[in-house]
Amino acid sequence: MITPKQRAELKALANPLEPVFQVGKGGVNDAQIAQIDDYLRVHELVKIKVLDNSLYTAKEAAAEIAERISAEVVQVIGSKAILYKRNEKEPVIRLRNK
């Protein structure tokens, strides 16, 4: 679980990022989940865009993806969501403890 201060730090880091993955009318599938998990293993932070034709809202898609890969939803704004998953072996992002 990340603290509110850590969440704010992650939001600041994610602000300049462009969405790397899109959730469309096909929804969230296993292949996409695996790709997002692999991406998070390397980068720890990802921005996802949910397209207008998707059956999911950004909040629903983010929650499902986060649950399936044990990630944390940092923020959902409009059609974009930010997910964070710490790499225990080789952390890329150093968050303050408190």
PDB file of N, CA and C in Angstrom:
ATOM      1  N   MET A   1       0.843  -1.189   0.000  1.00  0.00           N
ATOM      2  CA  MET A   1       0.000   0.000   0.000  1.00  0.00           C
ATOM      3  C   MET A   1       0.884   1.248   0.000  1.00  0.00           C
ATOM      4  N   ILE A   2       0.556   2.179  -0.870  1.00  0.00           N
ATOM      5  CA  ILE A   2       1.343   3.404  -0.923  1.00  0.00           C
ATOM      6  C   ILE A   2       0.640   4.508  -0.124  1.00  0.00           C
ATOM      7  N   THR A   3       1.441   5.374   0.447  1.00  0.00           N
ATOM      8  CA  THR A   3       0.913   6.466   1.262  1.00  0.00           C
ATOM      9  C   THR A   3       0.453   7.607   0.348  1.00  0.00           C
ATOM     10  N   PRO A   4      -0.329   8.545   0.877  1.00  0.00           N
ATOM     11  CA  PRO A   4      -0.749   9.695   0.072  1.00  0.00           C
ATOM     12  C   PRO A   4       0.432  10.509  -0.478  1.00  0.00           C
ATOM     13  N   LYS A   5       1.498  10.633   0.304  1.00  0.00           N
ATOM     14  CA  LYS A   5       2.675  11.368  -0.178  1.00  0.00           C
ATOM     15  C   LYS A   5       3.361  10.622  -1.317  1.00  0.00           C
ATOM     16  N   GLN A   6       3.451   9.307  -1.194  1.00  0.00           N
ATOM     17  CA  GLN A   6       4.032   8.502  -2.258  1.00  0.00           C
ATOM     18  C   GLN A   6       3.162   8.565  -3.509  1.00  0.00           C
ATOM     19  N   ARG A   7       1.844   8.549  -3.311  1.00  0.00           N
ATOM     20  CA  ARG A   7       0.910   8.659  -4.434  1.00  0.00           C
ATOM     21  C   ARG A   7       1.133   9.978  -5.178  1.00  0.00           C
ATOM     22  N   ALA A   8       1.294  11.068  -4.427  1.00  0.00           N
ATOM     23  CA  ALA A   8       1.541  12.381  -5.035  1.00  0.00           C
ATOM     24  C   ALA A   8       2.856  12.373  -5.813  1.00  0.00           C
ATOM     25  N   GLU A   9       3.862  11.714  -5.265  1.00  0.00           N
ATOM     26  CA  GLU A   9       5.157  11.600  -5.931  1.00  0.00           C
ATOM     27  C   GLU A   9       5.024  10.826  -7.247  1.00  0.00           C
ATOM     28  N   LEU A  10       4.258   9.740  -7.219  1.00  0.00           N
ATOM     29  CA  LEU A  10       4.045   8.935  -8.427  1.00  0.00           C
ATOM     30  C   LEU A  10       3.242   9.704  -9.471  1.00  0.00           C
ATOM     31  N   LYS A  11       2.250  10.479  -9.039  1.00  0.00           N
ATOM     32  CA  LYS A  11       1.479  11.301  -9.974  1.00  0.00           C
ATOM     33  C   LYS A  11       2.390  12.290 -10.691  1.00  0.00           C
ATOM     34  N   ALA A  12       3.298  12.898  -9.946  1.00  0.00           N
ATOM     35  CA  ALA A  12       4.235  13.857 -10.539  1.00  0.00           C
ATOM     36  C   ALA A  12       5.144  13.173 -11.561  1.00  0.00           C
ATOM     37  N   LEU A  13       5.595  11.962 -11.247  1.00  0.00           N
ATOM     38  CA  LEU A  13       6.454  11.223 -12.175  1.00  0.00           C
ATOM     39  C   LEU A  13       5.684  10.801 -13.434  1.00  0.00           C
ATOM     40  N   ALA A  14       4.400  10.507 -13.276  1.00  0.00           N
ATOM     41  CA  ALA A  14       3.593  10.022 -14.397  1.00  0.00           C
ATOM     42  C   ALA A  14       3.059  11.147 -15.280  1.00  0.00           C
ATOM     43  N   ASN A  15       3.042  12.359 -14.769  1.00  0.00           N
ATOM     44  CA  ASN A  15       2.460  13.473 -15.508  1.00  0.00           C
ATOM     45  C   ASN A  15       2.998  13.618 -16.937  1.00  0.00           C
ATOM     46  N   PRO A  16       4.311  13.588 -17.158  1.00  0.00           N
ATOM     47  CA  PRO A  16       4.799  13.762 -18.536  1.00  0.00           C
ATOM     48  C   PRO A  16       4.688  12.506 -19.413  1.00  0.00           C
ATOM     49  N   LEU A  17       4.327  11.373 -18.827  1.00  0.00           N
ATOM     50  CA  LEU A  17       4.264  10.127 -19.599  1.00  0.00           C
ATOM     51  C   LEU A  17       3.087  10.117 -20.566  1.00  0.00           C
ATOM     52  N   GLU A  18       3.290   9.477 -21.702  1.00  0.00           N
ATOM     53  CA  GLU A  18       2.218   9.238 -22.660  1.00  0.00           C
ATOM     54  C   GLU A  18       1.650   7.844 -22.387  1.00  0.00           C
ATOM     55  N   PRO A  19       0.373   7.613 -22.689  1.00  0.00           N
ATOM     56  CA  PRO A  19      -0.184   6.269 -22.505  1.00  0.00           C
ATOM     57  C   PRO A  19       0.555   5.241 -23.362  1.00  0.00           C
ATOM     58  N   VAL A  20       0.905   4.119 -22.758  1.00  0.00           N
ATOM     59  CA  VAL A  20       1.645   3.065 -23.444  1.00  0.00           C
ATOM     60  C   VAL A  20       0.694   1.980 -23.945  1.00  0.00           C
ATOM     61  N   PHE A  21      -0.402   1.766 -23.221  1.00  0.00           N
ATOM     62  CA  PHE A  21      -1.366   0.733 -23.582  1.00  0.00           C
ATOM     63  C   PHE A  21      -2.751   1.345 -23.721  1.00  0.00           C
ATOM     64  N   GLN A  22      -3.573   0.701 -24.560  1.00  0.00           N
ATOM     65  CA  GLN A  22      -4.950   1.146 -24.761  1.00  0.00           C
ATOM     66  C   GLN A  22      -5.902  -0.020 -24.509  1.00  0.00           C
ATOM     67  N   VAL A  23      -7.020   0.292 -23.887  1.00  0.00           N
ATOM     68  CA  VAL A  23      -8.074  -0.693 -23.711  1.00  0.00           C
ATOM     69  C   VAL A  23      -9.205  -0.270 -24.635  1.00  0.00           C
ATOM     70  N   GLY A  24      -9.549  -1.135 -25.595  1.00  0.00           N
ATOM     71  CA  GLY A  24     -10.570  -0.804 -26.575  1.00  0.00           C
ATOM     72  C   GLY A  24     -11.830  -1.620 -26.376  1.00  0.00           C
ATOM     73  N   LYS A  25     -12.557  -1.807 -27.476  1.00  0.00           N
ATOM     74  CA  LYS A  25     -13.840  -2.506 -27.381  1.00  0.00           C
ATOM     75  C   LYS A  25     -13.688  -3.971 -27.002  1.00  0.00           C
ATOM     76  N   GLY A  26     -12.506  -4.534 -27.199  1.00  0.00           N
ATOM     77  CA  GLY A  26     -12.257  -5.921 -26.811  1.00  0.00           C
ATOM     78  C   GLY A  26     -12.063  -6.088 -25.318  1.00  0.00           C
ATOM     79  N   GLY A  27     -11.928  -4.982 -24.605  1.00  0.00           N
ATOM     80  CA  GLY A  27     -11.751  -5.047 -23.159  1.00  0.00           C
ATOM     81  C   GLY A  27     -10.332  -5.428 -22.770  1.00  0.00           C
ATOM     82  N   VAL A  28     -10.204  -5.990 -21.600  1.00  0.00           N
ATOM     83  CA  VAL A  28      -8.906  -6.383 -21.060  1.00  0.00           C
ATOM     84  C   VAL A  28      -8.752  -7.883 -21.266  1.00  0.00           C
ATOM     85  N   ASN A  29      -7.680  -8.278 -21.991  1.00  0.00           N
ATOM     86  CA  ASN A  29      -7.472  -9.712 -22.228  1.00  0.00           C
ATOM     87  C   ASN A  29      -6.168 -10.180 -21.583  1.00  0.00           C
ATOM     88  N   ASP A  30      -5.965 -11.488 -21.546  1.00  0.00           N
ATOM     89  CA  ASP A  30      -4.803 -12.066 -20.871  1.00  0.00           C
ATOM     90  C   ASP A  30      -3.484 -11.613 -21.482  1.00  0.00           C
ATOM     91  N   ALA A  31      -3.431 -11.502 -22.806  1.00  0.00           N
ATOM     92  CA  ALA A  31      -2.192 -11.081 -23.470  1.00  0.00           C
ATOM     93  C   ALA A  31      -1.837  -9.650 -23.073  1.00  0.00           C
ATOM     94  N   GLN A  32      -2.840  -8.794 -23.023  1.00  0.00           N
ATOM     95  CA  GLN A  32      -2.607  -7.404 -22.637  1.00  0.00           C
ATOM     96  C   GLN A  32      -2.157  -7.318 -21.172  1.00  0.00           C
ATOM     97  N   ILE A  33      -2.771  -8.113 -20.323  1.00  0.00           N
ATOM     98  CA  ILE A  33      -2.385  -8.153 -18.906  1.00  0.00           C
ATOM     99  C   ILE A  33      -0.916  -8.556 -18.783  1.00  0.00           C
ATOM    100  N   ALA A  34      -0.507  -9.573 -19.526  1.00  0.00           N
ATOM    101  CA  ALA A  34       0.880 -10.047 -19.477  1.00  0.00           C
ATOM    102  C   ALA A  34       1.838  -8.968 -19.963  1.00  0.00           C
ATOM    103  N   GLN A  35       1.467  -8.243 -21.019  1.00  0.00           N
ATOM    104  CA  GLN A  35       2.326  -7.170 -21.533  1.00  0.00           C
ATOM    105  C   GLN A  35       2.466  -6.037 -20.520  1.00  0.00           C
ATOM    106  N   ILE A  36       1.365  -5.671 -19.892  1.00  0.00           N
ATOM    107  CA  ILE A  36       1.410  -4.600 -18.886  1.00  0.00           C
ATOM    108  C   ILE A  36       2.253  -5.032 -17.697  1.00  0.00           C
ATOM    109  N   ASP A  37       2.116  -6.279 -17.275  1.00  0.00           N
ATOM    110  CA  ASP A  37       2.911  -6.796 -16.159  1.00  0.00           C
ATOM    111  C   ASP A  37       4.403  -6.771 -16.502  1.00  0.00           C
ATOM    112  N   ASP A  38       4.755  -7.196 -17.718  1.00  0.00           N
ATOM    113  CA  ASP A  38       6.162  -7.159 -18.151  1.00  0.00           C
ATOM    114  C   ASP A  38       6.677  -5.725 -18.189  1.00  0.00           C
ATOM    115  N   TYR A  39       5.862  -4.808 -18.696  1.00  0.00           N
ATOM    116  CA  TYR A  39       6.257  -3.402 -18.770  1.00  0.00           C
ATOM    117  C   TYR A  39       6.496  -2.844 -17.369  1.00  0.00           C
ATOM    118  N   LEU A  40       5.603  -3.169 -16.441  1.00  0.00           N
ATOM    119  CA  LEU A  40       5.753  -2.674 -15.069  1.00  0.00           C
ATOM    120  C   LEU A  40       6.963  -3.267 -14.369  1.00  0.00           C
ATOM    121  N   ARG A  41       7.346  -4.471 -14.731  1.00  0.00           N
ATOM    122  CA  ARG A  41       8.527  -5.094 -14.131  1.00  0.00           C
ATOM    123  C   ARG A  41       9.778  -4.257 -14.433  1.00  0.00           C
ATOM    124  N   VAL A  42       9.794  -3.643 -15.598  1.00  0.00           N
ATOM    125  CA  VAL A  42      10.949  -2.837 -16.009  1.00  0.00           C
ATOM    126  C   VAL A  42      10.803  -1.379 -15.575  1.00  0.00           C
ATOM    127  N   HIS A  43       9.616  -0.787 -15.772  1.00  0.00           N
ATOM    128  CA  HIS A  43       9.434   0.652 -15.572  1.00  0.00           C
ATOM    129  C   HIS A  43       8.732   1.031 -14.267  1.00  0.00           C
ATOM    130  N   GLU A  44       7.993   0.126 -13.676  1.00  0.00           N
ATOM    131  CA  GLU A  44       7.255   0.308 -12.420  1.00  0.00           C
ATOM    132  C   GLU A  44       6.052   1.250 -12.499  1.00  0.00           C
ATOM    133  N   LEU A  45       5.960   2.077 -13.529  1.00  0.00           N
ATOM    134  CA  LEU A  45       4.876   3.044 -13.649  1.00  0.00           C
ATOM    135  C   LEU A  45       4.386   3.046 -15.093  1.00  0.00           C
ATOM    136  N   VAL A  46       3.071   2.989 -15.280  1.00  0.00           N
ATOM    137  CA  VAL A  46       2.526   2.964 -16.637  1.00  0.00           C
ATOM    138  C   VAL A  46       1.239   3.784 -16.691  1.00  0.00           C
ATOM    139  N   LYS A  47       1.057   4.430 -17.841  1.00  0.00           N
ATOM    140  CA  LYS A  47      -0.184   5.163 -18.083  1.00  0.00           C
ATOM    141  C   LYS A  47      -0.953   4.406 -19.158  1.00  0.00           C
ATOM    142  N   ILE A  48      -2.240   4.187 -18.892  1.00  0.00           N
ATOM    143  CA  ILE A  48      -3.110   3.423 -19.793  1.00  0.00           C
ATOM    144  C   ILE A  48      -4.276   4.304 -20.208  1.00  0.00           C
ATOM    145  N   LYS A  49      -4.647   4.221 -21.484  1.00  0.00           N
ATOM    146  CA  LYS A  49      -5.799   4.976 -21.992  1.00  0.00           C
ATOM    147  C   LYS A  49      -6.925   4.008 -22.321  1.00  0.00           C
ATOM    148  N   VAL A  50      -8.126   4.352 -21.894  1.00  0.00           N
ATOM    149  CA  VAL A  50      -9.308   3.565 -22.213  1.00  0.00           C
ATOM    150  C   VAL A  50     -10.062   4.316 -23.310  1.00  0.00           C
ATOM    151  N   LEU A  51     -10.214   3.659 -24.453  1.00  0.00           N
ATOM    152  CA  LEU A  51     -10.855   4.298 -25.595  1.00  0.00           C
ATOM    153  C   LEU A  51     -12.359   4.454 -25.382  1.00  0.00           C
ATOM    154  N   ASP A  52     -12.964   5.395 -26.117  1.00  0.00           N
ATOM    155  CA  ASP A  52     -14.394   5.672 -25.983  1.00  0.00           C
ATOM    156  C   ASP A  52     -15.263   4.469 -26.338  1.00  0.00           C
ATOM    157  N   ASN A  53     -14.776   3.622 -27.259  1.00  0.00           N
ATOM    158  CA  ASN A  53     -15.585   2.478 -27.688  1.00  0.00           C
ATOM    159  C   ASN A  53     -15.471   1.271 -26.756  1.00  0.00           C
ATOM    160  N   SER A  54     -14.719   1.412 -25.680  1.00  0.00           N
ATOM    161  CA  SER A  54     -14.550   0.324 -24.723  1.00  0.00           C
ATOM    162  C   SER A  54     -15.805   0.148 -23.874  1.00  0.00           C
ATOM    163  N   LEU A  55     -16.040  -1.087 -23.469  1.00  0.00           N
ATOM    164  CA  LEU A  55     -17.153  -1.368 -22.572  1.00  0.00           C
ATOM    165  C   LEU A  55     -16.805  -1.013 -21.122  1.00  0.00           C
ATOM    166  N   TYR A  56     -15.519  -0.768 -20.874  1.00  0.00           N
ATOM    167  CA  TYR A  56     -15.018  -0.429 -19.537  1.00  0.00           C
ATOM    168  C   TYR A  56     -14.903   1.078 -19.370  1.00  0.00           C
ATOM    169  N   THR A  57     -15.043   1.542 -18.134  1.00  0.00           N
ATOM    170  CA  THR A  57     -14.613   2.901 -17.807  1.00  0.00           C
ATOM    171  C   THR A  57     -13.143   2.785 -17.428  1.00  0.00           C
ATOM    172  N   ALA A  58     -12.446   3.905 -17.376  1.00  0.00           N
ATOM    173  CA  ALA A  58     -11.031   3.882 -17.000  1.00  0.00           C
ATOM    174  C   ALA A  58     -10.862   3.302 -15.596  1.00  0.00           C
ATOM    175  N   LYS A  59     -11.776   3.645 -14.704  1.00  0.00           N
ATOM    176  CA  LYS A  59     -11.701   3.158 -13.321  1.00  0.00           C
ATOM    177  C   LYS A  59     -11.869   1.642 -13.268  1.00  0.00           C
ATOM    178  N   GLU A  60     -12.823   1.107 -14.023  1.00  0.00           N
ATOM    179  CA  GLU A  60     -13.062  -0.337 -14.043  1.00  0.00           C
ATOM    180  C   GLU A  60     -11.877  -1.086 -14.644  1.00  0.00           C
ATOM    181  N   ALA A  61     -11.353  -0.576 -15.755  1.00  0.00           N
ATOM    182  CA  ALA A  61     -10.213  -1.224 -16.413  1.00  0.00           C
ATOM    183  C   ALA A  61      -8.996  -1.215 -15.500  1.00  0.00           C
ATOM    184  N   ALA A  62      -8.716  -0.070 -14.887  1.00  0.00           N
ATOM    185  CA  ALA A  62      -7.565   0.040 -13.987  1.00  0.00           C
ATOM    186  C   ALA A  62      -7.697  -0.913 -12.811  1.00  0.00           C
ATOM    187  N   ALA A  63      -8.886  -0.988 -12.235  1.00  0.00           N
ATOM    188  CA  ALA A  63      -9.107  -1.866 -11.085  1.00  0.00           C
ATOM    189  C   ALA A  63      -8.902  -3.329 -11.469  1.00  0.00           C
ATOM    190  N   GLU A  64      -9.426  -3.741 -12.621  1.00  0.00           N
ATOM    191  CA  GLU A  64      -9.277  -5.131 -13.042  1.00  0.00           C
ATOM    192  C   GLU A  64      -7.824  -5.486 -13.331  1.00  0.00           C
ATOM    193  N   ILE A  65      -7.134  -4.603 -14.050  1.00  0.00           N
ATOM    194  CA  ILE A  65      -5.719  -4.862 -14.376  1.00  0.00           C
ATOM    195  C   ILE A  65      -4.898  -4.917 -13.094  1.00  0.00           C
ATOM    196  N   ALA A  66      -5.096  -3.941 -12.220  1.00  0.00           N
ATOM    197  CA  ALA A  66      -4.328  -3.881 -10.968  1.00  0.00           C
ATOM    198  C   ALA A  66      -4.554  -5.126 -10.119  1.00  0.00           C
ATOM    199  N   GLU A  67      -5.788  -5.579 -10.059  1.00  0.00           N
ATOM    200  CA  GLU A  67      -6.092  -6.764  -9.256  1.00  0.00           C
ATOM    201  C   GLU A  67      -5.410  -8.006  -9.833  1.00  0.00           C
ATOM    202  N   ARG A  68      -5.428  -8.145 -11.143  1.00  0.00           N
ATOM    203  CA  ARG A  68      -4.880  -9.345 -11.778  1.00  0.00           C
ATOM    204  C   ARG A  68      -3.362  -9.423 -11.731  1.00  0.00           C
ATOM    205  N   ILE A  69      -2.669  -8.265 -11.617  1.00  0.00           N
ATOM    206  CA  ILE A  69      -1.206  -8.301 -11.591  1.00  0.00           C
ATOM    207  C   ILE A  69      -0.636  -7.780 -10.269  1.00  0.00           C
ATOM    208  N   SER A  70      -1.485  -7.580  -9.283  1.00  0.00           N
ATOM    209  CA  SER A  70      -1.065  -7.084  -7.958  1.00  0.00           C
ATOM    210  C   SER A  70      -0.352  -5.737  -8.048  1.00  0.00           C
ATOM    211  N   ALA A  71      -0.928  -4.842  -8.818  1.00  0.00           N
ATOM    212  CA  ALA A  71      -0.389  -3.483  -8.945  1.00  0.00           C
ATOM    213  C   ALA A  71      -1.289  -2.534  -8.144  1.00  0.00           C
ATOM    214  N   GLU A  72      -0.902  -1.272  -8.081  1.00  0.00           N
ATOM    215  CA  GLU A  72      -1.699  -0.265  -7.389  1.00  0.00           C
ATOM    216  C   GLU A  72      -2.190   0.769  -8.399  1.00  0.00           C
ATOM    217  N   VAL A  73      -3.435   1.163  -8.264  1.00  0.00           N
ATOM    218  CA  VAL A  73      -3.963   2.242  -9.086  1.00  0.00           C
ATOM    219  C   VAL A  73      -3.543   3.545  -8.411  1.00  0.00           C
ATOM    220  N   VAL A  74      -2.748   4.333  -9.102  1.00  0.00           N
ATOM    221  CA  VAL A  74      -2.271   5.598  -8.545  1.00  0.00           C
ATOM    222  C   VAL A  74      -3.324   6.675  -8.748  1.00  0.00           C
ATOM    223  N   GLN A  75      -3.866   6.741  -9.985  1.00  0.00           N
ATOM    224  CA  GLN A  75      -4.804   7.806 -10.301  1.00  0.00           C
ATOM    225  C   GLN A  75      -5.608   7.420 -11.539  1.00  0.00           C
ATOM    226  N   VAL A  76      -6.853   7.874 -11.565  1.00  0.00           N
ATOM    227  CA  VAL A  76      -7.686   7.736 -12.766  1.00  0.00           C
ATOM    228  C   VAL A  76      -8.282   9.110 -13.036  1.00  0.00           C
ATOM    229  N   ILE A  77      -7.999   9.641 -14.218  1.00  0.00           N
ATOM    230  CA  ILE A  77      -8.568  10.924 -14.620  1.00  0.00           C
ATOM    231  C   ILE A  77      -9.114  10.755 -16.024  1.00  0.00           C
ATOM    232  N   GLY A  78     -10.402  11.014 -16.180  1.00  0.00           N
ATOM    233  CA  GLY A  78     -11.024  10.898 -17.495  1.00  0.00           C
ATOM    234  C   GLY A  78     -10.864   9.499 -18.057  1.00  0.00           C
ATOM    235  N   SER A  79     -10.203   9.402 -19.202  1.00  0.00           N
ATOM    236  CA  SER A  79     -10.023   8.105 -19.858  1.00  0.00           C
ATOM    237  C   SER A  79      -8.646   7.512 -19.609  1.00  0.00           C
ATOM    238  N   LYS A  80      -7.868   8.105 -18.704  1.00  0.00           N
ATOM    239  CA  LYS A  80      -6.500   7.626 -18.444  1.00  0.00           C
ATOM    240  C   LYS A  80      -6.353   7.137 -17.015  1.00  0.00           C
ATOM    241  N   ALA A  81      -5.520   6.112 -16.874  1.00  0.00           N
ATOM    242  CA  ALA A  81      -5.236   5.547 -15.555  1.00  0.00           C
ATOM    243  C   ALA A  81      -3.741   5.347 -15.408  1.00  0.00           C
ATOM    244  N   ILE A  82      -3.259   5.498 -14.194  1.00  0.00           N
ATOM    245  CA  ILE A  82      -1.840   5.296 -13.891  1.00  0.00           C
ATOM    246  C   ILE A  82      -1.742   4.137 -12.906  1.00  0.00           C
ATOM    247  N   LEU A  83      -0.893   3.173 -13.240  1.00  0.00           N
ATOM    248  CA  LEU A  83      -0.667   2.012 -12.386  1.00  0.00           C
ATOM    249  C   LEU A  83       0.789   1.971 -11.943  1.00  0.00           C
ATOM    250  N   TYR A  84       1.007   1.448 -10.734  1.00  0.00           N
ATOM    251  CA  TYR A  84       2.352   1.319 -10.172  1.00  0.00           C
ATOM    252  C   TYR A  84       2.511  -0.082  -9.600  1.00  0.00           C
ATOM    253  N   LYS A  85       3.651  -0.680  -9.896  1.00  0.00           N
ATOM    254  CA  LYS A  85       3.995  -1.971  -9.293  1.00  0.00           C
ATOM    255  C   LYS A  85       5.495  -1.961  -9.025  1.00  0.00           C
ATOM    256  N   ARG A  86       5.851  -2.050  -7.765  1.00  0.00           N
ATOM    257  CA  ARG A  86       7.257  -2.011  -7.363  1.00  0.00           C
ATOM    258  C   ARG A  86       7.975  -3.289  -7.776  1.00  0.00           C
ATOM    259  N   ASN A  87       9.166  -3.116  -8.327  1.00  0.00           N
ATOM    260  CA  ASN A  87      10.039  -4.239  -8.649  1.00  0.00           C
ATOM    261  C   ASN A  87      10.911  -4.471  -7.424  1.00  0.00           C
ATOM    262  N   GLU A  88      10.663  -5.543  -6.699  1.00  0.00           N
ATOM    263  CA  GLU A  88      11.363  -5.810  -5.440  1.00  0.00           C
ATOM    264  C   GLU A  88      12.857  -6.072  -5.645  1.00  0.00           C
ATOM    265  N   LYS A  89      13.226  -6.705  -6.768  1.00  0.00           N
ATOM    266  CA  LYS A  89      14.631  -7.050  -6.999  1.00  0.00           C
ATOM    267  C   LYS A  89      15.464  -5.861  -7.453  1.00  0.00           C
ATOM    268  N   GLU A  90      14.943  -5.093  -8.414  1.00  0.00           N
ATOM    269  CA  GLU A  90      15.683  -3.952  -8.961  1.00  0.00           C
ATOM    270  C   GLU A  90      14.762  -2.738  -9.061  1.00  0.00           C
ATOM    271  N   PRO A  91      14.492  -2.054  -7.944  1.00  0.00           N
ATOM    272  CA  PRO A  91      13.584  -0.899  -7.990  1.00  0.00           C
ATOM    273  C   PRO A  91      14.127   0.222  -8.881  1.00  0.00           C
ATOM    274  N   VAL A  92      13.240   0.790  -9.673  1.00  0.00           N
ATOM    275  CA  VAL A  92      13.599   1.902 -10.553  1.00  0.00           C
ATOM    276  C   VAL A  92      13.237   3.224  -9.882  1.00  0.00           C
ATOM    277  N   ILE A  93      12.097   3.234  -9.227  1.00  0.00           N
ATOM    278  CA  ILE A  93      11.589   4.439  -8.578  1.00  0.00           C
ATOM    279  C   ILE A  93      11.827   4.329  -7.072  1.00  0.00           C
ATOM    280  N   ARG A  94      12.503   5.298  -6.531  1.00  0.00           N
ATOM    281  CA  ARG A  94      12.774   5.330  -5.095  1.00  0.00           C
ATOM    282  C   ARG A  94      11.763   6.265  -4.424  1.00  0.00           C
ATOM    283  N   LEU A  95      10.786   5.693  -3.757  1.00  0.00           N
ATOM    284  CA  LEU A  95       9.781   6.489  -3.063  1.00  0.00           C
ATOM    285  C   LEU A  95      10.214   6.750  -1.635  1.00  0.00           C
ATOM    286  N   ARG A  96       9.841   7.922  -1.139  1.00  0.00           N
ATOM    287  CA  ARG A  96      10.105   8.218   0.264  1.00  0.00           C
ATOM    288  C   ARG A  96       9.235   7.322   1.127  1.00  0.00           C
ATOM    289  N   ASN A  97       9.731   6.955   2.284  1.00  0.00           N
ATOM    290  CA  ASN A  97       8.985   6.047   3.162  1.00  0.00           C
ATOM    291  C   ASN A  97       7.745   6.705   3.761  1.00  0.00           C
ATOM    292  N   LYS A  98       7.810   7.990   4.041  1.00  0.00           N
ATOM    293  CA  LYS A  98       6.640   8.659   4.643  1.00  0.00           C
ATOM    294  C   LYS A  98       6.449  10.036   4.120  1.00  0.00           C
TER     295      LYS A  98
END
